[in-house]
Amino acid sequence: MRTTLTLDDDVADFLKDQSRLHNKPFKQVVNEVLRRGMTSGSKSSEPVPFKIVPNRSKLVPGIDPQKLNQLNDQLEAEDFAGESAQ
């Protein structure tokens, strides 16, 4: 359908830039932007809830995950003792 439409300068400049940037005809860019605008209000305004999916870790048997910092401290102390002995 042919129609005459008066656009504000900033809107026309934006559409022309998009047309050049995406190498598409001006008419196609205008239609795509209008379609996006028509469908944006129909979506639910509620945000999608963020879900955390836990990752199952496979720790070596005998290592208590609550004492990993203690294990790290022991390993650092052994490294330090080995460096200072040399």
PDB file of N, CA and C in Angstrom:
ATOM      1  N   MET A   1       0.835  -1.166   0.000  1.00  0.00           N
ATOM      2  CA  MET A   1       0.000   0.000   0.000  1.00  0.00           C
ATOM      3  C   MET A   1       0.887   1.239   0.000  1.00  0.00           C
ATOM      4  N   ARG A   2       0.578   2.159  -0.823  1.00  0.00           N
ATOM      5  CA  ARG A   2       1.315   3.422  -0.888  1.00  0.00           C
ATOM      6  C   ARG A   2       0.662   4.425   0.048  1.00  0.00           C
ATOM      7  N   THR A   3       1.503   5.159   0.764  1.00  0.00           N
ATOM      8  CA  THR A   3       0.983   6.210   1.631  1.00  0.00           C
ATOM      9  C   THR A   3       2.037   7.302   1.776  1.00  0.00           C
ATOM     10  N   THR A   4       1.603   8.471   2.136  1.00  0.00           N
ATOM     11  CA  THR A   4       2.526   9.574   2.399  1.00  0.00           C
ATOM     12  C   THR A   4       2.642   9.715   3.905  1.00  0.00           C
ATOM     13  N   LEU A   5       3.871   9.814   4.363  1.00  0.00           N
ATOM     14  CA  LEU A   5       4.129   9.860   5.789  1.00  0.00           C
ATOM     15  C   LEU A   5       5.166  10.942   6.056  1.00  0.00           C
ATOM     16  N   THR A   6       4.899  11.796   7.004  1.00  0.00           N
ATOM     17  CA  THR A   6       5.858  12.839   7.375  1.00  0.00           C
ATOM     18  C   THR A   6       6.596  12.385   8.628  1.00  0.00           C
ATOM     19  N   LEU A   7       7.923  12.237   8.495  1.00  0.00           N
ATOM     20  CA  LEU A   7       8.750  11.775   9.605  1.00  0.00           C
ATOM     21  C   LEU A   7       9.514  12.934  10.207  1.00  0.00           C
ATOM     22  N   ASP A   8       9.732  12.881  11.503  1.00  0.00           N
ATOM     23  CA  ASP A   8      10.621  13.855  12.138  1.00  0.00           C
ATOM     24  C   ASP A   8      12.029  13.637  11.598  1.00  0.00           C
ATOM     25  N   ASP A   9      12.827  14.695  11.613  1.00  0.00           N
ATOM     26  CA  ASP A   9      14.171  14.623  11.037  1.00  0.00           C
ATOM     27  C   ASP A   9      15.026  13.531  11.687  1.00  0.00           C
ATOM     28  N   ASP A  10      14.964  13.421  13.010  1.00  0.00           N
ATOM     29  CA  ASP A  10      15.791  12.417  13.692  1.00  0.00           C
ATOM     30  C   ASP A  10      15.371  10.999  13.324  1.00  0.00           C
ATOM     31  N   VAL A  11      14.076  10.781  13.154  1.00  0.00           N
ATOM     32  CA  VAL A  11      13.574   9.454  12.776  1.00  0.00           C
ATOM     33  C   VAL A  11      14.004   9.135  11.349  1.00  0.00           C
ATOM     34  N   ALA A  12      13.865  10.092  10.459  1.00  0.00           N
ATOM     35  CA  ALA A  12      14.256   9.882   9.065  1.00  0.00           C
ATOM     36  C   ALA A  12      15.756   9.611   8.969  1.00  0.00           C
ATOM     37  N   ASP A  13      16.551  10.369   9.725  1.00  0.00           N
ATOM     38  CA  ASP A  13      18.003  10.148   9.704  1.00  0.00           C
ATOM     39  C   ASP A  13      18.358   8.755  10.209  1.00  0.00           C
ATOM     40  N   PHE A  14      17.697   8.338  11.287  1.00  0.00           N
ATOM     41  CA  PHE A  14      17.942   6.993  11.829  1.00  0.00           C
ATOM     42  C   PHE A  14      17.615   5.919  10.790  1.00  0.00           C
ATOM     43  N   LEU A  15      16.459   6.040  10.151  1.00  0.00           N
ATOM     44  CA  LEU A  15      16.050   5.042   9.156  1.00  0.00           C
ATOM     45  C   LEU A  15      16.992   5.028   7.956  1.00  0.00           C
ATOM     46  N   LYS A  16      17.431   6.191   7.518  1.00  0.00           N
ATOM     47  CA  LYS A  16      18.383   6.260   6.403  1.00  0.00           C
ATOM     48  C   LYS A  16      19.708   5.606   6.792  1.00  0.00           C
ATOM     49  N   ASP A  17      20.166   5.886   8.011  1.00  0.00           N
ATOM     50  CA  ASP A  17      21.416   5.273   8.485  1.00  0.00           C
ATOM     51  C   ASP A  17      21.294   3.755   8.535  1.00  0.00           C
ATOM     52  N   GLN A  18      20.166   3.261   9.040  1.00  0.00           N
ATOM     53  CA  GLN A  18      19.949   1.817   9.111  1.00  0.00           C
ATOM     54  C   GLN A  18      19.907   1.204   7.712  1.00  0.00           C
ATOM     55  N   SER A  19      19.304   1.922   6.788  1.00  0.00           N
ATOM     56  CA  SER A  19      19.218   1.456   5.411  1.00  0.00           C
ATOM     57  C   SER A  19      20.613   1.308   4.813  1.00  0.00           C
ATOM     58  N   ARG A  20      21.458   2.313   5.025  1.00  0.00           N
ATOM     59  CA  ARG A  20      22.836   2.258   4.513  1.00  0.00           C
ATOM     60  C   ARG A  20      23.657   1.204   5.246  1.00  0.00           C
ATOM     61  N   LEU A  21      23.512   1.165   6.551  1.00  0.00           N
ATOM     62  CA  LEU A  21      24.306   0.252   7.375  1.00  0.00           C
ATOM     63  C   LEU A  21      24.042  -1.209   7.015  1.00  0.00           C
ATOM     64  N   HIS A  22      22.783  -1.554   6.804  1.00  0.00           N
ATOM     65  CA  HIS A  22      22.417  -2.946   6.532  1.00  0.00           C
ATOM     66  C   HIS A  22      22.241  -3.228   5.047  1.00  0.00           C
ATOM     67  N   ASN A  23      22.504  -2.207   4.229  1.00  0.00           N
ATOM     68  CA  ASN A  23      22.393  -2.349   2.773  1.00  0.00           C
ATOM     69  C   ASN A  23      21.019  -2.897   2.372  1.00  0.00           C
ATOM     70  N   LYS A  24      19.986  -2.282   2.935  1.00  0.00           N
ATOM     71  CA  LYS A  24      18.601  -2.665   2.640  1.00  0.00           C
ATOM     72  C   LYS A  24      17.866  -1.453   2.099  1.00  0.00           C
ATOM     73  N   PRO A  25      16.827  -1.688   1.308  1.00  0.00           N
ATOM     74  CA  PRO A  25      16.026  -0.561   0.827  1.00  0.00           C
ATOM     75  C   PRO A  25      15.340   0.155   1.992  1.00  0.00           C
ATOM     76  N   PHE A  26      15.164   1.459   1.843  1.00  0.00           N
ATOM     77  CA  PHE A  26      14.540   2.281   2.882  1.00  0.00           C
ATOM     78  C   PHE A  26      13.172   1.731   3.267  1.00  0.00           C
ATOM     79  N   LYS A  27      12.393   1.337   2.277  1.00  0.00           N
ATOM     80  CA  LYS A  27      11.048   0.802   2.510  1.00  0.00           C
ATOM     81  C   LYS A  27      11.102  -0.428   3.422  1.00  0.00           C
ATOM     82  N   GLN A  28      12.063  -1.303   3.169  1.00  0.00           N
ATOM     83  CA  GLN A  28      12.184  -2.520   3.970  1.00  0.00           C
ATOM     84  C   GLN A  28      12.543  -2.185   5.421  1.00  0.00           C
ATOM     85  N   VAL A  29      13.457  -1.228   5.607  1.00  0.00           N
ATOM     86  CA  VAL A  29      13.862  -0.830   6.959  1.00  0.00           C
ATOM     87  C   VAL A  29      12.676  -0.236   7.706  1.00  0.00           C
ATOM     88  N   VAL A  30      11.907   0.627   7.046  1.00  0.00           N
ATOM     89  CA  VAL A  30      10.734   1.233   7.685  1.00  0.00           C
ATOM     90  C   VAL A  30       9.747   0.154   8.111  1.00  0.00           C
ATOM     91  N   ASN A  31       9.477  -0.807   7.239  1.00  0.00           N
ATOM     92  CA  ASN A  31       8.539  -1.880   7.571  1.00  0.00           C
ATOM     93  C   ASN A  31       9.037  -2.738   8.737  1.00  0.00           C
ATOM     94  N   GLU A  32      10.332  -3.054   8.751  1.00  0.00           N
ATOM     95  CA  GLU A  32      10.882  -3.869   9.838  1.00  0.00           C
ATOM     96  C   GLU A  32      10.774  -3.139  11.179  1.00  0.00           C
ATOM     97  N   VAL A  33      11.097  -1.846  11.178  1.00  0.00           N
ATOM     98  CA  VAL A  33      11.029  -1.077  12.422  1.00  0.00           C
ATOM     99  C   VAL A  33       9.585  -0.958  12.906  1.00  0.00           C
ATOM    100  N   LEU A  34       8.659  -0.738  11.991  1.00  0.00           N
ATOM    101  CA  LEU A  34       7.246  -0.662  12.374  1.00  0.00           C
ATOM    102  C   LEU A  34       6.753  -1.994  12.926  1.00  0.00           C
ATOM    103  N   ARG A  35       7.150  -3.097  12.305  1.00  0.00           N
ATOM    104  CA  ARG A  35       6.717  -4.423  12.797  1.00  0.00           C
ATOM    105  C   ARG A  35       7.265  -4.692  14.196  1.00  0.00           C
ATOM    106  N   ARG A  36       8.528  -4.329  14.419  1.00  0.00           N
ATOM    107  CA  ARG A  36       9.102  -4.518  15.768  1.00  0.00           C
ATOM    108  C   ARG A  36       8.333  -3.692  16.786  1.00  0.00           C
ATOM    109  N   GLY A  37       7.956  -2.482  16.399  1.00  0.00           N
ATOM    110  CA  GLY A  37       7.191  -1.625  17.300  1.00  0.00           C
ATOM    111  C   GLY A  37       5.807  -2.169  17.576  1.00  0.00           C
ATOM    112  N   MET A  38       5.201  -2.795  16.593  1.00  0.00           N
ATOM    113  CA  MET A  38       3.847  -3.345  16.784  1.00  0.00           C
ATOM    114  C   MET A  38       3.858  -4.556  17.700  1.00  0.00           C
ATOM    115  N   THR A  39       4.907  -5.348  17.661  1.00  0.00           N
ATOM    116  CA  THR A  39       4.948  -6.565  18.479  1.00  0.00           C
ATOM    117  C   THR A  39       5.555  -6.340  19.844  1.00  0.00           C
ATOM    118  N   SER A  40       6.273  -5.242  20.051  1.00  0.00           N
ATOM    119  CA  SER A  40       6.949  -5.052  21.336  1.00  0.00           C
ATOM    120  C   SER A  40       5.956  -4.852  22.480  1.00  0.00           C
ATOM    121  N   GLY A  41       4.793  -4.284  22.215  1.00  0.00           N
ATOM    122  CA  GLY A  41       3.812  -4.058  23.274  1.00  0.00           C
ATOM    123  C   GLY A  41       3.013  -5.297  23.613  1.00  0.00           C
ATOM    124  N   SER A  42       3.023  -6.305  22.756  1.00  0.00           N
ATOM    125  CA  SER A  42       2.211  -7.491  23.000  1.00  0.00           C
ATOM    126  C   SER A  42       2.901  -8.498  23.911  1.00  0.00           C
ATOM    127  N   LYS A  43       4.197  -8.350  24.115  1.00  0.00           N
ATOM    128  CA  LYS A  43       4.919  -9.274  24.983  1.00  0.00           C
ATOM    129  C   LYS A  43       4.639  -8.954  26.435  1.00  0.00           C
ATOM    130  N   SER A  44       4.767  -9.949  27.260  1.00  0.00           N
ATOM    131  CA  SER A  44       4.563  -9.773  28.692  1.00  0.00           C
ATOM    132  C   SER A  44       5.605  -8.812  29.244  1.00  0.00           C
ATOM    133  N   SER A  45       5.173  -7.914  30.096  1.00  0.00           N
ATOM    134  CA  SER A  45       6.108  -6.949  30.670  1.00  0.00           C
ATOM    135  C   SER A  45       6.872  -7.532  31.851  1.00  0.00           C
ATOM    136  N   GLU A  46       6.504  -8.731  32.282  1.00  0.00           N
ATOM    137  CA  GLU A  46       7.206  -9.367  33.393  1.00  0.00           C
ATOM    138  C   GLU A  46       8.528  -9.927  32.904  1.00  0.00           C
ATOM    139  N   PRO A  47       9.601  -9.659  33.628  1.00  0.00           N
ATOM    140  CA  PRO A  47      10.898 -10.205  33.209  1.00  0.00           C
ATOM    141  C   PRO A  47      10.941 -11.719  33.398  1.00  0.00           C
ATOM    142  N   VAL A  48      11.741 -12.357  32.593  1.00  0.00           N
ATOM    143  CA  VAL A  48      11.918 -13.799  32.701  1.00  0.00           C
ATOM    144  C   VAL A  48      12.728 -14.068  33.966  1.00  0.00           C
ATOM    145  N   PRO A  49      12.257 -14.961  34.831  1.00  0.00           N
ATOM    146  CA  PRO A  49      12.998 -15.213  36.064  1.00  0.00           C
ATOM    147  C   PRO A  49      14.373 -15.817  35.774  1.00  0.00           C
ATOM    148  N   PHE A  50      15.342 -15.376  36.539  1.00  0.00           N
ATOM    149  CA  PHE A  50      16.707 -15.874  36.395  1.00  0.00           C
ATOM    150  C   PHE A  50      16.815 -17.202  37.129  1.00  0.00           C
ATOM    151  N   LYS A  51      17.315 -18.207  36.444  1.00  0.00           N
ATOM    152  CA  LYS A  51      17.460 -19.518  37.066  1.00  0.00           C
ATOM    153  C   LYS A  51      18.933 -19.890  37.122  1.00  0.00           C
ATOM    154  N   ILE A  52      19.327 -20.426  38.235  1.00  0.00           N
ATOM    155  CA  ILE A  52      20.693 -20.923  38.397  1.00  0.00           C
ATOM    156  C   ILE A  52      20.641 -22.438  38.291  1.00  0.00           C
ATOM    157  N   VAL A  53      21.423 -22.959  37.374  1.00  0.00           N
ATOM    158  CA  VAL A  53      21.497 -24.405  37.201  1.00  0.00           C
ATOM    159  C   VAL A  53      22.787 -24.877  37.875  1.00  0.00           C
ATOM    160  N   PRO A  54      22.666 -25.637  38.953  1.00  0.00           N
ATOM    161  CA  PRO A  54      23.875 -26.060  39.659  1.00  0.00           C
ATOM    162  C   PRO A  54      24.689 -27.042  38.822  1.00  0.00           C
ATOM    163  N   ASN A  55      25.983 -26.958  38.989  1.00  0.00           N
ATOM    164  CA  ASN A  55      26.889 -27.857  38.303  1.00  0.00           C
ATOM    165  C   ASN A  55      27.376 -28.884  39.305  1.00  0.00           C
ATOM    166  N   ARG A  56      27.170 -30.121  39.000  1.00  0.00           N
ATOM    167  CA  ARG A  56      27.618 -31.172  39.919  1.00  0.00           C
ATOM    168  C   ARG A  56      29.125 -31.315  39.795  1.00  0.00           C
ATOM    169  N   SER A  57      29.812 -31.078  40.895  1.00  0.00           N
ATOM    170  CA  SER A  57      31.264 -31.240  40.876  1.00  0.00           C
ATOM    171  C   SER A  57      31.594 -32.647  41.355  1.00  0.00           C
ATOM    172  N   LYS A  58      32.650 -33.134  40.839  1.00  0.00           N
ATOM    173  CA  LYS A  58      33.061 -34.486  41.219  1.00  0.00           C
ATOM    174  C   LYS A  58      34.378 -34.368  41.967  1.00  0.00           C
ATOM    175  N   LEU A  59      34.246 -34.112  43.255  1.00  0.00           N
ATOM    176  CA  LEU A  59      35.431 -33.995  44.076  1.00  0.00           C
ATOM    177  C   LEU A  59      36.023 -35.372  44.334  1.00  0.00           C
ATOM    178  N   VAL A  60      37.306 -35.369  44.588  1.00  0.00           N
ATOM    179  CA  VAL A  60      37.993 -36.615  44.896  1.00  0.00           C
ATOM    180  C   VAL A  60      37.476 -37.124  46.237  1.00  0.00           C
ATOM    181  N   PRO A  61      37.169 -38.416  46.329  1.00  0.00           N
ATOM    182  CA  PRO A  61      36.688 -38.946  47.607  1.00  0.00           C
ATOM    183  C   PRO A  61      37.697 -38.667  48.730  1.00  0.00           C
ATOM    184  N   GLY A  62      37.181 -38.281  49.861  1.00  0.00           N
ATOM    185  CA  GLY A  62      38.028 -37.999  51.005  1.00  0.00           C
ATOM    186  C   GLY A  62      38.312 -36.520  51.189  1.00  0.00           C
ATOM    187  N   ILE A  63      37.944 -35.680  50.211  1.00  0.00           N
ATOM    188  CA  ILE A  63      38.154 -34.242  50.355  1.00  0.00           C
ATOM    189  C   ILE A  63      36.838 -33.616  50.784  1.00  0.00           C
ATOM    190  N   ASP A  64      36.876 -32.952  51.912  1.00  0.00           N
ATOM    191  CA  ASP A  64      35.693 -32.287  52.444  1.00  0.00           C
ATOM    192  C   ASP A  64      35.587 -30.907  51.785  1.00  0.00           C
ATOM    193  N   PRO A  65      34.533 -30.647  51.010  1.00  0.00           N
ATOM    194  CA  PRO A  65      34.445 -29.356  50.332  1.00  0.00           C
ATOM    195  C   PRO A  65      34.383 -28.181  51.302  1.00  0.00           C
ATOM    196  N   GLN A  66      34.031 -28.443  52.554  1.00  0.00           N
ATOM    197  CA  GLN A  66      33.981 -27.376  53.548  1.00  0.00           C
ATOM    198  C   GLN A  66      35.384 -26.986  54.023  1.00  0.00           C
ATOM    199  N   LYS A  67      36.374 -27.818  53.723  1.00  0.00           N
ATOM    200  CA  LYS A  67      37.731 -27.556  54.207  1.00  0.00           C
ATOM    201  C   LYS A  67      38.705 -27.286  53.060  1.00  0.00           C
ATOM    202  N   LEU A  68      38.202 -26.844  51.912  1.00  0.00           N
ATOM    203  CA  LEU A  68      39.085 -26.585  50.783  1.00  0.00           C
ATOM    204  C   LEU A  68      40.046 -25.434  51.056  1.00  0.00           C
ATOM    205  N   ASN A  69      39.607 -24.420  51.804  1.00  0.00           N
ATOM    206  CA  ASN A  69      40.526 -23.326  52.145  1.00  0.00           C
ATOM    207  C   ASN A  69      41.662 -23.819  53.027  1.00  0.00           C
ATOM    208  N   GLN A  70      41.358 -24.728  53.929  1.00  0.00           N
ATOM    209  CA  GLN A  70      42.395 -25.292  54.787  1.00  0.00           C
ATOM    210  C   GLN A  70      43.389 -26.076  53.936  1.00  0.00           C
ATOM    211  N   LEU A  71      42.885 -26.838  52.978  1.00  0.00           N
ATOM    212  CA  LEU A  71      43.753 -27.601  52.087  1.00  0.00           C
ATOM    213  C   LEU A  71      44.644 -26.655  51.287  1.00  0.00           C
ATOM    214  N   ASN A  72      44.075 -25.567  50.799  1.00  0.00           N
ATOM    215  CA  ASN A  72      44.848 -24.581  50.045  1.00  0.00           C
ATOM    216  C   ASN A  72      45.953 -23.980  50.920  1.00  0.00           C
ATOM    217  N   ASP A  73      45.632 -23.666  52.163  1.00  0.00           N
ATOM    218  CA  ASP A  73      46.634 -23.121  53.077  1.00  0.00           C
ATOM    219  C   ASP A  73      47.767 -24.115  53.309  1.00  0.00           C
ATOM    220  N   GLN A  74      47.435 -25.380  53.471  1.00  0.00           N
ATOM    221  CA  GLN A  74      48.460 -26.409  53.681  1.00  0.00           C
ATOM    222  C   GLN A  74      49.377 -26.526  52.470  1.00  0.00           C
ATOM    223  N   LEU A  75      48.780 -26.499  51.270  1.00  0.00           N
ATOM    224  CA  LEU A  75      49.588 -26.602  50.060  1.00  0.00           C
ATOM    225  C   LEU A  75      50.509 -25.398  49.901  1.00  0.00           C
ATOM    226  N   GLU A  76      50.016 -24.207  50.215  1.00  0.00           N
ATOM    227  CA  GLU A  76      50.853 -23.010  50.137  1.00  0.00           C
ATOM    228  C   GLU A  76      51.985 -23.071  51.158  1.00  0.00           C
ATOM    229  N   ALA A  77      51.700 -23.570  52.356  1.00  0.00           N
ATOM    230  CA  ALA A  77      52.734 -23.691  53.389  1.00  0.00           C
ATOM    231  C   ALA A  77      53.805 -24.683  52.955  1.00  0.00           C
ATOM    232  N   GLU A  78      53.396 -25.777  52.332  1.00  0.00           N
ATOM    233  CA  GLU A  78      54.381 -26.769  51.839  1.00  0.00           C
ATOM    234  C   GLU A  78      55.234 -26.173  50.739  1.00  0.00           C
ATOM    235  N   ASP A  79      54.635 -25.407  49.841  1.00  0.00           N
ATOM    236  CA  ASP A  79      55.390 -24.752  48.772  1.00  0.00           C
ATOM    237  C   ASP A  79      56.398 -23.772  49.369  1.00  0.00           C
ATOM    238  N   PHE A  80      55.957 -22.991  50.358  1.00  0.00           N
ATOM    239  CA  PHE A  80      56.838 -22.008  50.994  1.00  0.00           C
ATOM    240  C   PHE A  80      57.988 -22.706  51.703  1.00  0.00           C
ATOM    241  N   ALA A  81      57.693 -23.791  52.405  1.00  0.00           N
ATOM    242  CA  ALA A  81      58.737 -24.524  53.124  1.00  0.00           C
ATOM    243  C   ALA A  81      59.729 -25.111  52.133  1.00  0.00           C
ATOM    244  N   GLY A  82      59.261 -25.604  51.011  1.00  0.00           N
ATOM    245  CA  GLY A  82      60.148 -26.168  49.998  1.00  0.00           C
ATOM    246  C   GLY A  82      61.030 -25.100  49.358  1.00  0.00           C
ATOM    247  N   GLU A  83      60.509 -23.903  49.142  1.00  0.00           N
ATOM    248  CA  GLU A  83      61.287 -22.811  48.544  1.00  0.00           C
ATOM    249  C   GLU A  83      62.328 -22.274  49.523  1.00  0.00           C
ATOM    250  N   SER A  84      61.984 -22.180  50.782  1.00  0.00           N
ATOM    251  CA  SER A  84      62.914 -21.615  51.758  1.00  0.00           C
ATOM    252  C   SER A  84      64.017 -22.614  52.113  1.00  0.00           C
ATOM    253  N   ALA A  85      63.795 -23.901  51.910  1.00  0.00           N
ATOM    254  CA  ALA A  85      64.805 -24.907  52.207  1.00  0.00           C
ATOM    255  C   ALA A  85      65.882 -24.922  51.132  1.00  0.00           C
ATOM    256  N   GLN A  86      65.605 -24.409  49.975  1.00  0.00           N
ATOM    257  CA  GLN A  86      66.577 -24.455  48.882  1.00  0.00           C
ATOM    258  C   GLN A  86      67.575 -23.366  48.952  1.00  0.00           C
TER     259      GLN A  86
END
